Amino acid sequence: MDRRPTFVASDVDGTLIDDEERVTARTRAAVAAVVASGTPFVLATGRPPRWLAPVVDGLGFAPLAVCANGAVLYDAGTDRVLSASTLSVDTLAWIADLVEYELPGAGLAAERVGATAHDTATPQFVSAPGYEHAWLNPEHTEMAPEDILSSPAIKMLVRIPGADSSAMAAVLRPLVGERADLTYSTNNGLIEISAAGVTKASGLRAAATHLEVDASGVVAFGDMPNDIPMLEMAERGVAMGNAHLDVKAAADEVTLANTRDGVAHVLERLWANQL
C-alpha cells in the first residue's frame, strides 16, 4: 500500500500471539513502533473482554478492542464496554430450536457482557449442563437450557466435541440465512453465532468511528474464517502462514506463521517503507 495505514487491526489467537499464548518481544516492539508513529493499533478477536488481560500485559499497553467477533467494542484502558450488539431472546430461541433439529446432541452456551470486563452483576458465560468447552474456561455458570435463552447474548456457541466446525457451519448457515451471522474460529466442533450483520468487519468500522479515522485504510491480520470479513474490508488483509485455506484465499498477502512473528514481519516492512 502506498499510504500509511489509518490503523492496524489484529486477531489474537493464532495470529498476534504464539502457540504458548505469548506476545513475543519482536511482535511487541513492532506494535509499539506502530503506536509511536501515531497509528492506532486495535485488537479484533473472538475473545470476550474478560480474556484480554494477558494480551494487554504482553503488549505493554491497553488498546481498543473489538471483541466477540465484532459484537463488542471495548476500551481496555478504562475497562469499559463502549457498545454491544446482541442476539435477541426470540432469535436465541429460534436458533436453539434449529440446532436441536439439525444438530441433535449439540451443546449450547451463550456469551453475555456487562459494563466492564468482569462485571459481577452479569453471568457472562452460561452453558447447558454437560456442555464441553472447546478451550479451558472455568468462568461459566450452568443453567437449564431455557434459562440460557432468557437474556440477550453477544454470541451463541454450538458445540459437538470431535465434530468438524466447517461441516457444522455448512448445515446451519443456509438455514440461519440473514437472521444471524454464523462463523467459526476453531476446527474442533464449535460454531459461533452473532446478531445479523455482526462480524469483525462491522466491529472495525465501529472502532474507526470511535477513533475518528478512515476505516478503508486498515491493515488487518487473521488466521481463521471469523477473520475473513475484516480481511476483505481492509485495504490490506494479511493471512498468517498457519491460516485456514479459506483465509489465505481471501487475503491480499500471506505472511509467516504466528510462531514466526508473522505480524511483526509485515509491520516492520510497512513502517520501514512509510517512514
C-alpha atoms as a PDB file:
ATOM      1  CA  MET A   1       0.000   0.000   0.000  1.00  0.00           C
ATOM      2  CA  ASP A   2       1.237   3.470  -0.875  1.00  0.00           C
ATOM      3  CA  ARG A   3      -0.101   5.359   2.113  1.00  0.00           C
ATOM      4  CA  ARG A   4       0.450   4.806   5.797  1.00  0.00           C
ATOM      5  CA  PRO A   5      -2.375   2.695   7.262  1.00  0.00           C
ATOM      6  CA  THR A   6      -5.007   4.644   9.165  1.00  0.00           C
ATOM      7  CA  PHE A   7      -4.969   1.881  11.768  1.00  0.00           C
ATOM      8  CA  VAL A   8      -3.812  -1.684  12.281  1.00  0.00           C
ATOM      9  CA  ALA A   9      -6.085  -4.479  13.482  1.00  0.00           C
ATOM     10  CA  SER A  10      -5.006  -7.937  14.571  1.00  0.00           C
ATOM     11  CA  ASP A  11      -6.718 -11.108  15.615  1.00  0.00           C
ATOM     12  CA  VAL A  12      -5.243 -12.612  18.783  1.00  0.00           C
ATOM     13  CA  ASP A  13      -5.183 -16.428  18.861  1.00  0.00           C
ATOM     14  CA  GLY A  14      -3.163 -17.975  16.064  1.00  0.00           C
ATOM     15  CA  THR A  15      -2.166 -14.513  14.888  1.00  0.00           C
ATOM     16  CA  LEU A  16      -0.762 -11.970  17.329  1.00  0.00           C
ATOM     17  CA  ILE A  17       0.290 -14.474  19.987  1.00  0.00           C
ATOM     18  CA  ASP A  18       2.368 -17.623  19.577  1.00  0.00           C
ATOM     19  CA  ASP A  19       1.240 -21.145  20.377  1.00  0.00           C
ATOM     20  CA  GLU A  20       2.147 -20.642  24.040  1.00  0.00           C
ATOM     21  CA  GLU A  21      -0.191 -17.604  24.108  1.00  0.00           C
ATOM     22  CA  ARG A  22       2.660 -15.097  24.397  1.00  0.00           C
ATOM     23  CA  VAL A  23       3.279 -11.801  22.647  1.00  0.00           C
ATOM     24  CA  THR A  24       6.915 -12.176  21.617  1.00  0.00           C
ATOM     25  CA  ALA A  25       9.464  -9.411  22.163  1.00  0.00           C
ATOM     26  CA  ARG A  26       9.705  -8.824  18.415  1.00  0.00           C
ATOM     27  CA  THR A  27       5.946  -8.508  17.966  1.00  0.00           C
ATOM     28  CA  ARG A  28       5.663  -6.246  20.985  1.00  0.00           C
ATOM     29  CA  ALA A  29       8.377  -3.968  19.568  1.00  0.00           C
ATOM     30  CA  ALA A  30       6.770  -3.860  16.108  1.00  0.00           C
ATOM     31  CA  VAL A  31       3.379  -2.933  17.557  1.00  0.00           C
ATOM     32  CA  ALA A  32       4.989  -0.326  19.812  1.00  0.00           C
ATOM     33  CA  ALA A  33       6.609   1.274  16.744  1.00  0.00           C
ATOM     34  CA  VAL A  34       3.211   1.479  15.043  1.00  0.00           C
ATOM     35  CA  VAL A  35       1.650   3.166  18.064  1.00  0.00           C
ATOM     36  CA  ALA A  36       4.629   5.519  18.493  1.00  0.00           C
ATOM     37  CA  SER A  37       4.133   6.697  14.903  1.00  0.00           C
ATOM     38  CA  GLY A  38       0.617   7.859  15.801  1.00  0.00           C
ATOM     39  CA  THR A  39      -1.227   4.978  14.112  1.00  0.00           C
ATOM     40  CA  PRO A  40      -3.814   3.250  16.316  1.00  0.00           C
ATOM     41  CA  PHE A  41      -3.498  -0.492  16.946  1.00  0.00           C
ATOM     42  CA  VAL A  42      -6.738  -2.384  17.583  1.00  0.00           C
ATOM     43  CA  LEU A  43      -7.341  -5.959  18.706  1.00  0.00           C
ATOM     44  CA  ALA A  44     -10.048  -7.818  16.755  1.00  0.00           C
ATOM     45  CA  THR A  45     -10.803 -11.104  18.455  1.00  0.00           C
ATOM     46  CA  GLY A  46     -13.413 -13.724  19.164  1.00  0.00           C
ATOM     47  CA  ARG A  47     -12.425 -13.451  22.825  1.00  0.00           C
ATOM     48  CA  PRO A  48     -14.699 -11.642  25.275  1.00  0.00           C
ATOM     49  CA  PRO A  49     -13.264  -8.640  27.139  1.00  0.00           C
ATOM     50  CA  ARG A  50     -12.552 -10.690  30.263  1.00  0.00           C
ATOM     51  CA  TRP A  51      -9.952 -12.745  28.361  1.00  0.00           C
ATOM     52  CA  LEU A  52      -7.869  -9.801  27.159  1.00  0.00           C
ATOM     53  CA  ALA A  53      -5.743  -9.075  30.244  1.00  0.00           C
ATOM     54  CA  PRO A  54      -2.852 -11.433  29.306  1.00  0.00           C
ATOM     55  CA  VAL A  55      -2.715  -9.923  25.819  1.00  0.00           C
ATOM     56  CA  VAL A  56      -2.726  -6.384  27.196  1.00  0.00           C
ATOM     57  CA  ASP A  57       0.072  -7.339  29.574  1.00  0.00           C
ATOM     58  CA  GLY A  58       2.040  -8.860  26.717  1.00  0.00           C
ATOM     59  CA  LEU A  59       1.678  -5.777  24.536  1.00  0.00           C
ATOM     60  CA  GLY A  60       2.583  -3.388  27.334  1.00  0.00           C
ATOM     61  CA  PHE A  61      -0.341  -1.056  26.629  1.00  0.00           C
ATOM     62  CA  ALA A  62      -4.137  -1.260  26.589  1.00  0.00           C
ATOM     63  CA  PRO A  63      -5.561  -0.944  23.070  1.00  0.00           C
ATOM     64  CA  LEU A  64      -9.108  -0.511  21.866  1.00  0.00           C
ATOM     65  CA  ALA A  65     -10.538  -3.964  21.233  1.00  0.00           C
ATOM     66  CA  VAL A  66     -13.216  -5.412  19.001  1.00  0.00           C
ATOM     67  CA  CYS A  67     -14.364  -8.484  20.941  1.00  0.00           C
ATOM     68  CA  ALA A  68     -16.710 -11.436  20.453  1.00  0.00           C
ATOM     69  CA  ASN A  69     -16.261 -11.426  16.659  1.00  0.00           C
ATOM     70  CA  GLY A  70     -17.383  -7.812  16.339  1.00  0.00           C
ATOM     71  CA  ALA A  71     -20.237  -7.752  18.833  1.00  0.00           C
ATOM     72  CA  VAL A  72     -18.423  -5.685  21.480  1.00  0.00           C
ATOM     73  CA  LEU A  73     -16.294  -2.556  21.333  1.00  0.00           C
ATOM     74  CA  TYR A  74     -14.178  -2.468  24.486  1.00  0.00           C
ATOM     75  CA  ASP A  75     -11.775   0.138  25.837  1.00  0.00           C
ATOM     76  CA  ALA A  76      -9.113  -1.894  27.637  1.00  0.00           C
ATOM     77  CA  GLY A  77      -7.501   1.263  29.032  1.00  0.00           C
ATOM     78  CA  THR A  78     -10.578   2.281  31.012  1.00  0.00           C
ATOM     79  CA  ASP A  79     -12.113  -1.209  31.335  1.00  0.00           C
ATOM     80  CA  ARG A  80     -15.308  -0.008  29.688  1.00  0.00           C
ATOM     81  CA  VAL A  81     -17.658  -1.725  27.263  1.00  0.00           C
ATOM     82  CA  LEU A  82     -18.412   1.041  24.771  1.00  0.00           C
ATOM     83  CA  SER A  83     -21.067  -0.794  22.766  1.00  0.00           C
ATOM     84  CA  ALA A  84     -22.555  -4.245  22.345  1.00  0.00           C
ATOM     85  CA  SER A  85     -24.709  -5.849  19.654  1.00  0.00           C
ATOM     86  CA  THR A  86     -26.801  -8.733  20.938  1.00  0.00           C
ATOM     87  CA  LEU A  87     -28.906 -11.620  19.749  1.00  0.00           C
ATOM     88  CA  SER A  88     -32.490 -11.108  20.919  1.00  0.00           C
ATOM     89  CA  VAL A  89     -34.258 -13.612  23.138  1.00  0.00           C
ATOM     90  CA  ASP A  90     -36.542 -14.550  20.253  1.00  0.00           C
ATOM     91  CA  THR A  91     -33.605 -15.178  17.921  1.00  0.00           C
ATOM     92  CA  LEU A  92     -31.773 -17.232  20.554  1.00  0.00           C
ATOM     93  CA  ALA A  93     -34.829 -19.447  20.986  1.00  0.00           C
ATOM     94  CA  TRP A  94     -35.235 -19.811  17.220  1.00  0.00           C
ATOM     95  CA  ILE A  95     -31.583 -20.830  16.797  1.00  0.00           C
ATOM     96  CA  ALA A  96     -31.807 -23.283  19.695  1.00  0.00           C
ATOM     97  CA  ASP A  97     -34.788 -24.994  18.042  1.00  0.00           C
ATOM     98  CA  LEU A  98     -32.913 -25.112  14.737  1.00  0.00           C
ATOM     99  CA  VAL A  99     -29.840 -26.639  16.380  1.00  0.00           C
ATOM    100  CA  GLU A 100     -31.912 -29.246  18.222  1.00  0.00           C
ATOM    101  CA  TYR A 101     -33.437 -30.411  14.952  1.00  0.00           C
ATOM    102  CA  GLU A 102     -30.406 -30.126  12.623  1.00  0.00           C
ATOM    103  CA  LEU A 103     -27.537 -30.962  15.000  1.00  0.00           C
ATOM    104  CA  PRO A 104     -29.056 -33.290  17.604  1.00  0.00           C
ATOM    105  CA  GLY A 105     -26.942 -33.680  20.711  1.00  0.00           C
ATOM    106  CA  ALA A 106     -25.117 -30.377  20.270  1.00  0.00           C
ATOM    107  CA  GLY A 107     -24.368 -28.425  23.435  1.00  0.00           C
ATOM    108  CA  LEU A 108     -25.423 -24.795  23.736  1.00  0.00           C
ATOM    109  CA  ALA A 109     -23.848 -21.876  25.549  1.00  0.00           C
ATOM    110  CA  ALA A 110     -24.187 -18.108  25.448  1.00  0.00           C
ATOM    111  CA  GLU A 111     -21.747 -15.279  25.983  1.00  0.00           C
ATOM    112  CA  ARG A 112     -23.112 -12.158  27.666  1.00  0.00           C
ATOM    113  CA  VAL A 113     -21.438  -8.887  28.567  1.00  0.00           C
ATOM    114  CA  GLY A 114     -21.799  -6.273  31.277  1.00  0.00           C
ATOM    115  CA  ALA A 115     -20.437  -2.759  31.646  1.00  0.00           C
ATOM    116  CA  THR A 116     -16.872  -3.931  32.329  1.00  0.00           C
ATOM    117  CA  ALA A 117     -14.734  -6.977  31.559  1.00  0.00           C
ATOM    118  CA  HIS A 118     -15.540  -8.705  34.852  1.00  0.00           C
ATOM    119  CA  ASP A 119     -18.956  -7.250  35.636  1.00  0.00           C
ATOM    120  CA  THR A 120     -20.109  -9.454  38.512  1.00  0.00           C
ATOM    121  CA  ALA A 121     -23.712  -8.355  38.032  1.00  0.00           C
ATOM    122  CA  THR A 122     -23.807 -10.285  34.753  1.00  0.00           C
ATOM    123  CA  PRO A 123     -23.110 -14.049  34.496  1.00  0.00           C
ATOM    124  CA  GLN A 124     -21.023 -13.759  31.368  1.00  0.00           C
ATOM    125  CA  PHE A 125     -20.701 -17.322  30.091  1.00  0.00           C
ATOM    126  CA  VAL A 126     -23.731 -19.531  30.617  1.00  0.00           C
ATOM    127  CA  SER A 127     -23.997 -23.099  29.396  1.00  0.00           C
ATOM    128  CA  ALA A 128     -26.360 -26.027  29.438  1.00  0.00           C
ATOM    129  CA  PRO A 129     -25.421 -28.908  31.763  1.00  0.00           C
ATOM    130  CA  GLY A 130     -22.858 -31.163  30.113  1.00  0.00           C
ATOM    131  CA  TYR A 131     -21.599 -28.548  27.670  1.00  0.00           C
ATOM    132  CA  GLU A 132     -17.986 -29.437  26.765  1.00  0.00           C
ATOM    133  CA  HIS A 133     -15.744 -26.443  26.235  1.00  0.00           C
ATOM    134  CA  ALA A 134     -13.527 -26.127  23.183  1.00  0.00           C
ATOM    135  CA  TRP A 135     -10.893 -24.470  25.398  1.00  0.00           C
ATOM    136  CA  LEU A 136     -10.218 -24.034  29.099  1.00  0.00           C
ATOM    137  CA  ASN A 137     -12.995 -21.892  30.540  1.00  0.00           C
ATOM    138  CA  PRO A 138     -13.534 -22.164  34.296  1.00  0.00           C
ATOM    139  CA  GLU A 139     -15.648 -18.986  34.327  1.00  0.00           C
ATOM    140  CA  HIS A 140     -19.031 -20.378  33.416  1.00  0.00           C
ATOM    141  CA  THR A 141     -22.425 -20.815  35.003  1.00  0.00           C
ATOM    142  CA  GLU A 142     -24.514 -23.887  34.243  1.00  0.00           C
ATOM    143  CA  MET A 143     -28.187 -23.180  33.640  1.00  0.00           C
ATOM    144  CA  ALA A 144     -31.250 -25.003  32.418  1.00  0.00           C
ATOM    145  CA  PRO A 145     -31.406 -24.710  28.608  1.00  0.00           C
ATOM    146  CA  GLU A 146     -34.400 -22.374  28.756  1.00  0.00           C
ATOM    147  CA  ASP A 147     -32.539 -20.036  31.109  1.00  0.00           C
ATOM    148  CA  ILE A 148     -29.636 -19.710  28.658  1.00  0.00           C
ATOM    149  CA  LEU A 149     -32.144 -18.232  26.229  1.00  0.00           C
ATOM    150  CA  SER A 150     -33.722 -15.866  28.734  1.00  0.00           C
ATOM    151  CA  SER A 151     -31.436 -12.857  28.187  1.00  0.00           C
ATOM    152  CA  PRO A 152     -29.863 -11.274  25.085  1.00  0.00           C
ATOM    153  CA  ALA A 153     -26.380 -12.567  24.269  1.00  0.00           C
ATOM    154  CA  ILE A 154     -23.452 -11.224  22.291  1.00  0.00           C
ATOM    155  CA  LYS A 155     -22.758 -14.712  20.996  1.00  0.00           C
ATOM    156  CA  MET A 156     -24.314 -18.166  20.990  1.00  0.00           C
ATOM    157  CA  LEU A 157     -21.963 -21.142  20.903  1.00  0.00           C
ATOM    158  CA  VAL A 158     -22.894 -24.534  19.451  1.00  0.00           C
ATOM    159  CA  ARG A 159     -20.567 -27.390  20.371  1.00  0.00           C
ATOM    160  CA  ILE A 160     -20.170 -31.003  19.242  1.00  0.00           C
ATOM    161  CA  PRO A 161     -16.875 -32.411  20.553  1.00  0.00           C
ATOM    162  CA  GLY A 162     -14.978 -34.247  17.842  1.00  0.00           C
ATOM    163  CA  ALA A 163     -17.045 -32.783  15.010  1.00  0.00           C
ATOM    164  CA  ASP A 164     -15.779 -30.606  12.161  1.00  0.00           C
ATOM    165  CA  SER A 165     -16.662 -26.949  12.584  1.00  0.00           C
ATOM    166  CA  SER A 166     -16.897 -26.297   8.850  1.00  0.00           C
ATOM    167  CA  ALA A 167     -19.348 -29.187   8.429  1.00  0.00           C
ATOM    168  CA  MET A 168     -21.492 -27.859  11.273  1.00  0.00           C
ATOM    169  CA  ALA A 169     -21.463 -24.405   9.711  1.00  0.00           C
ATOM    170  CA  ALA A 170     -22.414 -25.845   6.327  1.00  0.00           C
ATOM    171  CA  VAL A 171     -25.522 -27.401   7.876  1.00  0.00           C
ATOM    172  CA  LEU A 172     -26.702 -24.321   9.755  1.00  0.00           C
ATOM    173  CA  ARG A 173     -25.581 -21.374   7.612  1.00  0.00           C
ATOM    174  CA  PRO A 174     -28.147 -21.737   4.802  1.00  0.00           C
ATOM    175  CA  LEU A 175     -30.928 -22.223   7.355  1.00  0.00           C
ATOM    176  CA  VAL A 176     -29.916 -19.283   9.542  1.00  0.00           C
ATOM    177  CA  GLY A 177     -29.746 -17.080   6.458  1.00  0.00           C
ATOM    178  CA  GLU A 178     -29.741 -13.364   7.230  1.00  0.00           C
ATOM    179  CA  ARG A 179     -31.334 -13.675  10.654  1.00  0.00           C
ATOM    180  CA  ALA A 180     -27.924 -14.051  12.337  1.00  0.00           C
ATOM    181  CA  ASP A 181     -24.232 -14.192  11.441  1.00  0.00           C
ATOM    182  CA  LEU A 182     -22.500 -17.567  11.766  1.00  0.00           C
ATOM    183  CA  THR A 183     -18.777 -18.306  11.788  1.00  0.00           C
ATOM    184  CA  TYR A 184     -16.084 -20.368  13.491  1.00  0.00           C
ATOM    185  CA  SER A 185     -12.634 -19.695  14.916  1.00  0.00           C
ATOM    186  CA  THR A 186     -11.529 -23.250  15.663  1.00  0.00           C
ATOM    187  CA  ASN A 187     -11.908 -26.525  13.778  1.00  0.00           C
ATOM    188  CA  ASN A 188     -12.792 -28.682  16.789  1.00  0.00           C
ATOM    189  CA  GLY A 189     -16.565 -28.803  16.704  1.00  0.00           C
ATOM    190  CA  LEU A 190     -17.554 -25.240  17.633  1.00  0.00           C
ATOM    191  CA  ILE A 191     -19.522 -22.632  15.736  1.00  0.00           C
ATOM    192  CA  GLU A 192     -20.244 -19.104  16.932  1.00  0.00           C
ATOM    193  CA  ILE A 193     -23.403 -17.159  16.126  1.00  0.00           C
ATOM    194  CA  SER A 194     -23.786 -13.379  16.424  1.00  0.00           C
ATOM    195  CA  ALA A 195     -26.530 -10.894  15.634  1.00  0.00           C
ATOM    196  CA  ALA A 196     -27.255 -10.264  11.968  1.00  0.00           C
ATOM    197  CA  GLY A 197     -24.551  -8.181  10.308  1.00  0.00           C
ATOM    198  CA  VAL A 198     -22.146  -8.502  13.228  1.00  0.00           C
ATOM    199  CA  THR A 199     -18.667  -9.510  12.095  1.00  0.00           C
ATOM    200  CA  LYS A 200     -15.141  -8.344  12.763  1.00  0.00           C
ATOM    201  CA  ALA A 201     -15.599  -6.027   9.765  1.00  0.00           C
ATOM    202  CA  SER A 202     -18.572  -4.281  11.372  1.00  0.00           C
ATOM    203  CA  GLY A 203     -16.584  -4.115  14.604  1.00  0.00           C
ATOM    204  CA  LEU A 204     -13.655  -2.450  12.852  1.00  0.00           C
ATOM    205  CA  ARG A 205     -15.958   0.120  11.294  1.00  0.00           C
ATOM    206  CA  ALA A 206     -17.241   0.925  14.791  1.00  0.00           C
ATOM    207  CA  ALA A 207     -13.646   1.147  16.033  1.00  0.00           C
ATOM    208  CA  ALA A 208     -12.736   3.522  13.192  1.00  0.00           C
ATOM    209  CA  THR A 209     -15.679   5.765  14.062  1.00  0.00           C
ATOM    210  CA  HIS A 210     -14.616   5.804  17.706  1.00  0.00           C
ATOM    211  CA  LEU A 211     -11.003   6.601  16.758  1.00  0.00           C
ATOM    212  CA  GLU A 212     -12.119   9.130  14.123  1.00  0.00           C
ATOM    213  CA  VAL A 213     -10.026   7.515  11.394  1.00  0.00           C
ATOM    214  CA  ASP A 214     -10.769   6.235   7.896  1.00  0.00           C
ATOM    215  CA  ALA A 215     -11.995   2.641   8.070  1.00  0.00           C
ATOM    216  CA  SER A 216     -10.867   1.994   4.498  1.00  0.00           C
ATOM    217  CA  GLY A 217      -7.191   2.389   5.389  1.00  0.00           C
ATOM    218  CA  VAL A 218      -6.829  -0.522   7.777  1.00  0.00           C
ATOM    219  CA  VAL A 219      -4.232  -3.282   7.666  1.00  0.00           C
ATOM    220  CA  ALA A 220      -5.740  -6.402   9.238  1.00  0.00           C
ATOM    221  CA  PHE A 221      -4.241  -9.746  10.291  1.00  0.00           C
ATOM    222  CA  GLY A 222      -6.050 -13.051  10.854  1.00  0.00           C
ATOM    223  CA  ASP A 223      -5.970 -16.824  10.592  1.00  0.00           C
ATOM    224  CA  MET A 224      -9.470 -18.314  10.792  1.00  0.00           C
ATOM    225  CA  PRO A 225     -12.809 -17.938   8.951  1.00  0.00           C
ATOM    226  CA  ASN A 226     -14.134 -15.469  11.527  1.00  0.00           C
ATOM    227  CA  ASP A 227     -11.363 -13.137  10.286  1.00  0.00           C
ATOM    228  CA  ILE A 228     -12.390 -13.222   6.620  1.00  0.00           C
ATOM    229  CA  PRO A 229     -14.866 -10.299   6.743  1.00  0.00           C
ATOM    230  CA  MET A 230     -12.269  -7.931   8.189  1.00  0.00           C
ATOM    231  CA  LEU A 231      -9.545  -9.092   5.788  1.00  0.00           C
ATOM    232  CA  GLU A 232     -11.895  -8.456   2.871  1.00  0.00           C
ATOM    233  CA  MET A 233     -12.842  -4.964   4.079  1.00  0.00           C
ATOM    234  CA  ALA A 234      -9.244  -3.984   4.846  1.00  0.00           C
ATOM    235  CA  GLU A 235      -7.086  -2.076   2.394  1.00  0.00           C
ATOM    236  CA  ARG A 236      -4.528  -4.793   3.088  1.00  0.00           C
ATOM    237  CA  GLY A 237      -5.742  -8.074   4.528  1.00  0.00           C
ATOM    238  CA  VAL A 238      -2.943 -10.333   5.737  1.00  0.00           C
ATOM    239  CA  ALA A 239      -3.351 -14.057   6.416  1.00  0.00           C
ATOM    240  CA  MET A 240      -0.952 -15.859   8.681  1.00  0.00           C
ATOM    241  CA  GLY A 241       1.207 -18.672   7.344  1.00  0.00           C
ATOM    242  CA  ASN A 242      -0.726 -21.018   9.627  1.00  0.00           C
ATOM    243  CA  ALA A 243      -4.104 -19.709   8.450  1.00  0.00           C
ATOM    244  CA  HIS A 244      -7.098 -21.694   7.226  1.00  0.00           C
ATOM    245  CA  LEU A 245      -7.012 -22.103   3.433  1.00  0.00           C
ATOM    246  CA  ASP A 246     -10.170 -20.008   3.015  1.00  0.00           C
ATOM    247  CA  VAL A 247      -8.494 -17.173   4.911  1.00  0.00           C
ATOM    248  CA  LYS A 248      -5.417 -17.299   2.705  1.00  0.00           C
ATOM    249  CA  ALA A 249      -7.647 -17.180  -0.372  1.00  0.00           C
ATOM    250  CA  ALA A 250      -9.417 -14.063   0.932  1.00  0.00           C
ATOM    251  CA  ALA A 251      -6.233 -12.191   1.869  1.00  0.00           C
ATOM    252  CA  ASP A 252      -4.071  -9.789  -0.127  1.00  0.00           C
ATOM    253  CA  GLU A 253      -0.930 -11.264   1.374  1.00  0.00           C
ATOM    254  CA  VAL A 254       0.201 -14.317   3.336  1.00  0.00           C
ATOM    255  CA  THR A 255       2.843 -13.695   5.979  1.00  0.00           C
ATOM    256  CA  LEU A 256       4.835 -16.036   8.211  1.00  0.00           C
ATOM    257  CA  ALA A 257       3.138 -18.174  10.845  1.00  0.00           C
ATOM    258  CA  ASN A 258       2.218 -16.817  14.262  1.00  0.00           C
ATOM    259  CA  THR A 259       5.090 -18.864  15.699  1.00  0.00           C
ATOM    260  CA  ARG A 260       7.500 -16.955  13.442  1.00  0.00           C
ATOM    261  CA  ASP A 261       6.351 -13.386  14.230  1.00  0.00           C
ATOM    262  CA  GLY A 262       4.265 -13.064  11.076  1.00  0.00           C
ATOM    263  CA  VAL A 263       2.541  -9.879  12.272  1.00  0.00           C
ATOM    264  CA  ALA A 264       5.861  -8.227  13.133  1.00  0.00           C
ATOM    265  CA  HIS A 265       7.321  -9.314   9.777  1.00  0.00           C
ATOM    266  CA  VAL A 266       4.692  -7.270   7.895  1.00  0.00           C
ATOM    267  CA  LEU A 267       4.581  -4.283  10.258  1.00  0.00           C
ATOM    268  CA  GLU A 268       8.356  -3.860  10.166  1.00  0.00           C
ATOM    269  CA  ARG A 269       8.276  -3.791   6.366  1.00  0.00           C
ATOM    270  CA  LEU A 270       5.324  -1.421   6.112  1.00  0.00           C
ATOM    271  CA  TRP A 271       6.711   1.042   8.617  1.00  0.00           C
ATOM    272  CA  ALA A 272      10.181   0.946   7.066  1.00  0.00           C
ATOM    273  CA  ASN A 273       8.554   1.895   3.751  1.00  0.00           C
ATOM    274  CA  GLN A 274       6.331   4.601   5.221  1.00  0.00           C
ATOM    275  CA  LEU A 275       8.741   6.451   7.496  1.00  0.00           C
END
